[in-house]
Amino acid sequence: MQRTSTPTSYIVMFGTVMVGLFAYLTFRIMGDNPMWIDTYIREVLVRPDSSSIYTFFRYFTKSGSAIGVVILLVLSVLFFYMRDKDFKAMILLPIAVLMTHFLNDGVKALTQRDRPAINPIIDAVGYSFPSGHAMISMVAYGLAAYLIVCKLRSDVAKCIVTCVAIVFIFLNGLSRIILSAHYPTDVIAGYIFGGCILYGCIYVYNTLGNREGMRG
């Protein structure tokens, strides 16, 4: 009798691949080995600070900075409270973002990769790997979107929320490359690490929900 793969096994395989890729990038960065993808993509995307594209992303990148994330958290928590007083979501989202911030700082302290350029105006100070904007955007916007979609009935509304979250996550990472605040591999690693945290948070939320359902 042949065994069939379950969704859980695919998730474990995907997670293993992502962790392996992140580990590979980390070791390459710590070994101070230049990666062709950084040079190639930066030549295509980096723009002078006088261009209109640079100006747009200089302002857009604030949505992944402290001020933008705090606004997202406040609006999301208010939504969760007014919708159905979902205290699990109200607590989980801020904790997830805060945890992601500290983990990002920890990995940066470990790798100590210098940035392409230092510019405090665009929140580009400290070490570079992995991108905090990419990592935190993945968790903050991704988890907020998931929790909100779980409470919506309209398929159109669910699609809009999901698409908006994807756009914000993608453009936040792209902005860090265009503004020369990060190398492309910093952003890729931020997405991978943030994605793993995002999945873990979704699993915790659903697990807590199932336990409460069983008790009820």
Foldseek 3Di string as FASTA:
>chain_A
DDDDDDPVNVVVVVLVVLVVVLVVLLVCLLVVHDDVQLVVVLVVQADDCVDPVLVVLLVLLCCLPPVNLVVLLVVLLVCCCVQPHPVLLNPLLVVLLVVQVVVQVVSCVVSVAPFQDADVSSPQDGGAAAPSSLQSLLRNLVLSLVVVLVRDDDPVVNVVSVVVSVVSNVSNLSSCSRNSSYGNSNNVSSNSNSVVSNVVSVVVVVVVVVVVVVVD
